């Protein structure tokens, strides 16, 4: 599968000083140099029409997400799609966002079975996992069945992609890392509103919660160690 260069993706980067800092601390640039695909899962967060309409970068990441999903299946890994579920806005939500926006966000995931609510350009398989989450993070306790479903498959490594980089994607990575999973954020397979927002998350994750790599490198890891 080819990646279409004309589709906009973020101008992402990790500052060289951050790479140097980690190399000094652990003796290597990347935390996870081996991925056992049989114990790994691709977790794709919130790639639903609502966010494709809101964020100019969503359509640009779709070819990379589809490529990652194909390679995960090819190498014996798990593919999991996560969509927002509807929760009645709380008093806090209504105060924070205002009534109209709070309700808009609450309904952002659409309705129906989770697999049917994904962006049409995506290529899910009937063997994939698809779940709803009730808060920003798919790994916040009680938010979704995803942690238990992946634990049942003995998954210890997550590759996370999707939208919005600095909101639900970051929240999922943080919580999964806190629960002891090895997490790799797919730097060019996530979408935010601006490059600044996207890159701030990449630096936060790389410093404290997990690894950050482009799709090409992740594909190489999966195929090398299958």
Protein backbone atom coordinates (compact mmCIF):
# COMPACT_ATOMS: atom_id res chain seq x y z
CA UNK A 1 0.00 0.00 0.00
CA UNK A 2 1.43 3.40 -0.94
CA UNK A 3 1.24 6.59 1.11
CA UNK A 4 -0.06 9.61 -0.80
CA UNK A 5 2.40 12.49 -0.30
CA UNK A 6 -0.17 15.12 -1.30
CA UNK A 7 -2.19 14.48 1.85
CA UNK A 8 -1.25 16.97 4.56
CA UNK A 9 0.44 15.65 7.68
CA UNK A 10 1.97 17.53 10.55
CA UNK A 11 5.47 18.95 10.29
CA UNK A 12 6.47 16.86 13.27
CA UNK A 13 9.80 16.68 15.04
CA UNK A 14 11.57 15.77 18.25
CA UNK A 15 14.25 18.25 19.22
CA UNK A 16 17.78 16.85 19.00
CA UNK A 17 18.40 17.79 22.62
CA UNK A 18 15.56 15.46 23.66
CA UNK A 19 17.09 12.58 21.72
CA UNK A 20 20.45 13.38 23.30
CA UNK A 21 18.91 13.46 26.78
CA UNK A 22 17.46 9.97 26.39
CA UNK A 23 20.64 8.63 24.83
CA UNK A 24 22.56 9.91 27.84
CA UNK A 25 20.08 8.35 30.29
CA UNK A 26 19.52 4.91 28.78
CA UNK A 27 22.26 4.56 26.18
CA UNK A 28 19.95 4.52 23.14
CA UNK A 29 17.60 6.86 21.33
CA UNK A 30 14.48 4.70 21.42
CA UNK A 31 13.09 2.96 24.47
CA UNK A 32 11.70 -0.03 22.58
CA UNK A 33 13.99 -1.49 19.92
CA UNK A 34 12.06 -4.73 19.55
CA UNK A 35 8.32 -5.31 19.13
CA UNK A 36 6.85 -8.80 19.41
CA UNK A 37 3.89 -8.37 17.07
CA UNK A 38 2.06 -11.30 18.65
CA UNK A 39 1.93 -9.28 21.89
CA UNK A 40 1.34 -5.89 20.27
CA UNK A 41 -1.79 -3.95 19.35
CA UNK A 42 -2.47 -0.96 17.15
CA UNK A 43 -4.92 1.30 18.98
CA UNK A 44 -6.59 3.86 16.70
CA UNK A 45 -8.38 6.60 18.59
CA UNK A 46 -11.42 8.61 17.43
CA UNK A 47 -11.08 8.54 13.64
CA UNK A 48 -14.72 9.35 13.07
CA UNK A 49 -16.32 11.84 10.64
CA UNK A 50 -16.71 14.53 13.31
CA UNK A 51 -12.97 14.93 13.76
CA UNK A 52 -12.26 14.64 10.04
CA UNK A 53 -14.51 17.67 9.59
CA UNK A 54 -12.88 19.57 12.47
CA UNK A 55 -9.19 18.87 11.78
CA UNK A 56 -7.44 19.44 8.44
CA UNK A 57 -4.85 16.72 9.13
CA UNK A 58 -7.15 13.73 9.67
CA UNK A 59 -7.46 12.74 6.01
CA UNK A 60 -3.69 12.98 5.70
CA UNK A 61 -3.02 10.34 8.32
CA UNK A 62 -5.53 7.79 7.01
CA UNK A 63 -3.12 6.08 4.56
CA UNK A 64 -0.60 5.60 7.38
CA UNK A 65 -3.22 4.26 9.76
CA UNK A 66 -4.42 1.81 7.12
CA UNK A 67 -0.83 0.75 6.42
CA UNK A 68 -0.17 0.16 10.11
CA UNK A 69 -3.37 -1.86 10.41
CA UNK A 70 -2.42 -4.00 7.40
CA UNK A 71 1.05 -4.71 8.78
CA UNK A 72 -0.26 -5.52 12.25
CA UNK A 73 -2.59 -8.12 10.74
CA UNK A 74 0.16 -9.43 8.45
CA UNK A 75 2.54 -9.94 11.38
CA UNK A 76 0.04 -11.47 13.81
CA UNK A 77 -0.77 -8.41 15.88
CA UNK A 78 -4.10 -6.99 17.03
CA UNK A 79 -5.90 -3.97 15.57
CA UNK A 80 -8.29 -2.05 17.84
CA UNK A 81 -10.50 0.88 16.85
CA UNK A 82 -11.82 3.20 19.55
CA UNK A 83 -14.70 5.64 19.07
CA UNK A 84 -16.33 8.13 21.44
CA UNK A 85 -19.45 6.88 23.16
CA UNK A 86 -22.30 9.16 24.19
CA UNK A 87 -22.34 10.32 27.79
CA UNK A 88 -24.74 12.95 29.06
CA UNK A 89 -22.69 16.12 29.60
CA UNK A 90 -21.96 16.73 33.26
CA UNK A 91 -22.50 20.02 35.04
CA UNK A 92 -18.75 20.54 34.80
CA UNK A 93 -18.82 19.93 31.02
CA UNK A 94 -21.63 22.43 30.55
CA UNK A 95 -19.84 25.04 32.62
CA UNK A 96 -16.50 24.43 30.90
CA UNK A 97 -17.65 24.18 27.25
CA UNK A 98 -21.08 25.80 27.33
CA UNK A 99 -24.28 23.82 26.75
CA UNK A 100 -24.16 23.69 22.96
CA UNK A 101 -20.52 22.64 22.60
CA UNK A 102 -20.75 20.16 25.47
CA UNK A 103 -23.63 18.41 23.71
CA UNK A 104 -21.80 18.55 20.37
CA UNK A 105 -18.74 16.84 21.83
CA UNK A 106 -20.90 14.30 23.65
CA UNK A 107 -22.38 13.22 20.31
CA UNK A 108 -19.12 13.40 18.33
CA UNK A 109 -18.80 9.62 18.00
CA UNK A 110 -22.10 9.16 16.19
CA UNK A 111 -24.42 6.20 16.78
CA UNK A 112 -24.57 2.54 15.90
CA UNK A 113 -22.03 -0.24 16.28
CA UNK A 114 -18.50 1.13 16.82
CA UNK A 115 -17.08 -0.39 13.62
CA UNK A 116 -19.77 1.31 11.50
CA UNK A 117 -18.92 4.76 12.88
CA UNK A 118 -15.36 4.93 11.58
CA UNK A 119 -14.28 7.29 8.84
CA UNK A 120 -15.16 5.73 5.48
CA UNK A 121 -11.58 5.90 4.20
CA UNK A 122 -10.39 3.48 6.87
CA UNK A 123 -10.08 -0.24 6.15
CA UNK A 124 -11.12 -2.19 9.24
CA UNK A 125 -11.35 -5.98 9.21
CA UNK A 126 -14.07 -8.10 10.77
CA UNK A 127 -11.38 -9.68 12.96
CA UNK A 128 -10.41 -6.33 14.48
CA UNK A 129 -11.60 -5.07 17.86
CA UNK A 130 -13.90 -2.02 17.96
CA UNK A 131 -15.02 -0.39 21.21
CA UNK A 132 -16.53 2.76 22.64
CA UNK A 133 -14.93 4.87 25.34
CA UNK A 134 -16.79 7.13 27.74
CA UNK A 135 -14.02 9.65 28.54
CA UNK A 136 -10.96 11.02 26.76
CA UNK A 137 -8.73 8.02 27.47
CA UNK A 138 -9.47 4.48 26.34
CA UNK A 139 -7.29 3.28 29.22
CA UNK A 140 -8.84 5.30 32.05
CA UNK A 141 -10.31 2.73 34.48
CA UNK A 142 -13.88 1.93 33.50
CA UNK A 143 -13.79 4.01 30.32
CA UNK A 144 -13.85 1.11 27.86
CA UNK A 145 -13.44 -2.67 27.65
CA UNK A 146 -10.22 -2.27 25.67
CA UNK A 147 -7.71 -2.87 28.52
CA UNK A 148 -9.35 -6.18 29.44
CA UNK A 149 -9.73 -7.29 25.82
CA UNK A 150 -6.06 -6.66 25.08
CA UNK A 151 -4.89 -8.14 28.38
CA UNK A 152 -6.75 -11.34 27.44
CA UNK A 153 -4.56 -11.48 24.33
CA UNK A 154 -1.41 -11.00 26.42
CA UNK A 155 -0.70 -7.63 24.79
CA UNK A 156 2.16 -5.72 26.40
CA UNK A 157 2.89 -3.13 23.68
CA UNK A 158 0.59 -0.53 22.13
CA UNK A 159 1.15 1.53 19.00
CA UNK A 160 -1.25 4.46 19.26
CA UNK A 161 -2.56 6.56 16.36
CA UNK A 162 -5.59 8.75 15.69
CA UNK A 163 -7.04 12.05 16.89
CA UNK A 164 -6.86 14.39 18.60
CA UNK A 165 -3.13 14.07 19.29
CA UNK A 166 -3.05 16.35 22.32
CA UNK A 167 -6.40 15.27 23.78
CA UNK A 168 -7.70 11.69 23.53
CA UNK A 169 -4.56 10.22 21.97
CA UNK A 170 -2.30 11.72 24.62
CA UNK A 171 -4.69 10.76 27.42
CA UNK A 172 -4.78 7.15 26.20
CA UNK A 173 -0.98 6.95 25.95
CA UNK A 174 -0.50 8.40 29.43
CA UNK A 175 -2.96 6.03 31.07
CA UNK A 176 -1.70 2.95 29.21
CA UNK A 177 1.88 3.79 30.21
CA UNK A 178 0.82 4.34 33.81
CA UNK A 179 -0.71 0.86 33.77
CA UNK A 180 2.62 -0.65 32.75
CA UNK A 181 2.27 -1.06 29.00
CA UNK A 182 5.02 -0.27 26.53
CA UNK A 183 3.62 2.48 24.29
CA UNK A 184 4.82 3.81 20.93
CA UNK A 185 3.12 6.90 19.54
CA UNK A 186 2.95 6.95 15.73
CA UNK A 187 4.21 10.47 15.08
CA UNK A 188 2.91 10.80 11.52
CA UNK A 189 -0.32 8.86 12.06
CA UNK A 190 -1.93 11.26 14.54
CA UNK A 191 -3.76 14.52 13.92
CA UNK A 192 -4.24 17.68 15.96
CA UNK A 193 -5.49 21.14 15.05
CA UNK A 194 -2.02 22.70 14.75
CA UNK A 195 1.59 21.57 14.45
CA UNK A 196 2.34 23.26 17.80
CA UNK A 197 -0.25 21.15 19.62
CA UNK A 198 0.86 17.96 17.91
CA UNK A 199 4.55 18.48 18.61
CA UNK A 200 4.00 19.44 22.23
CA UNK A 201 2.44 16.03 22.78
CA UNK A 202 5.25 14.24 20.95
CA UNK A 203 7.78 15.83 23.29
CA UNK A 204 5.74 15.09 26.41
CA UNK A 205 5.28 11.44 25.46
CA UNK A 206 8.89 10.94 24.40
CA UNK A 207 10.23 12.45 27.62
CA UNK A 208 7.97 10.69 30.09
CA UNK A 209 5.51 8.09 28.80
CA UNK A 210 6.62 6.15 25.74
CA UNK A 211 8.47 6.06 22.47
CA UNK A 212 7.72 8.22 19.43
CA UNK A 213 8.41 6.89 15.93
CA UNK A 214 7.16 7.45 12.37
CA UNK A 215 5.07 4.83 10.60
CA UNK A 216 7.97 3.60 8.46
CA UNK A 217 10.06 2.72 11.51
CA UNK A 218 7.16 1.02 13.27
CA UNK A 219 6.48 -1.10 10.19
CA UNK A 220 10.16 -2.06 10.16
CA UNK A 221 10.04 -3.13 13.81
CA UNK A 222 6.96 -5.27 13.24
CA UNK A 223 8.33 -7.01 10.19
CA UNK A 224 11.80 -7.48 11.60
CA UNK A 225 10.72 -9.30 14.75
CA UNK A 226 7.59 -11.18 13.71
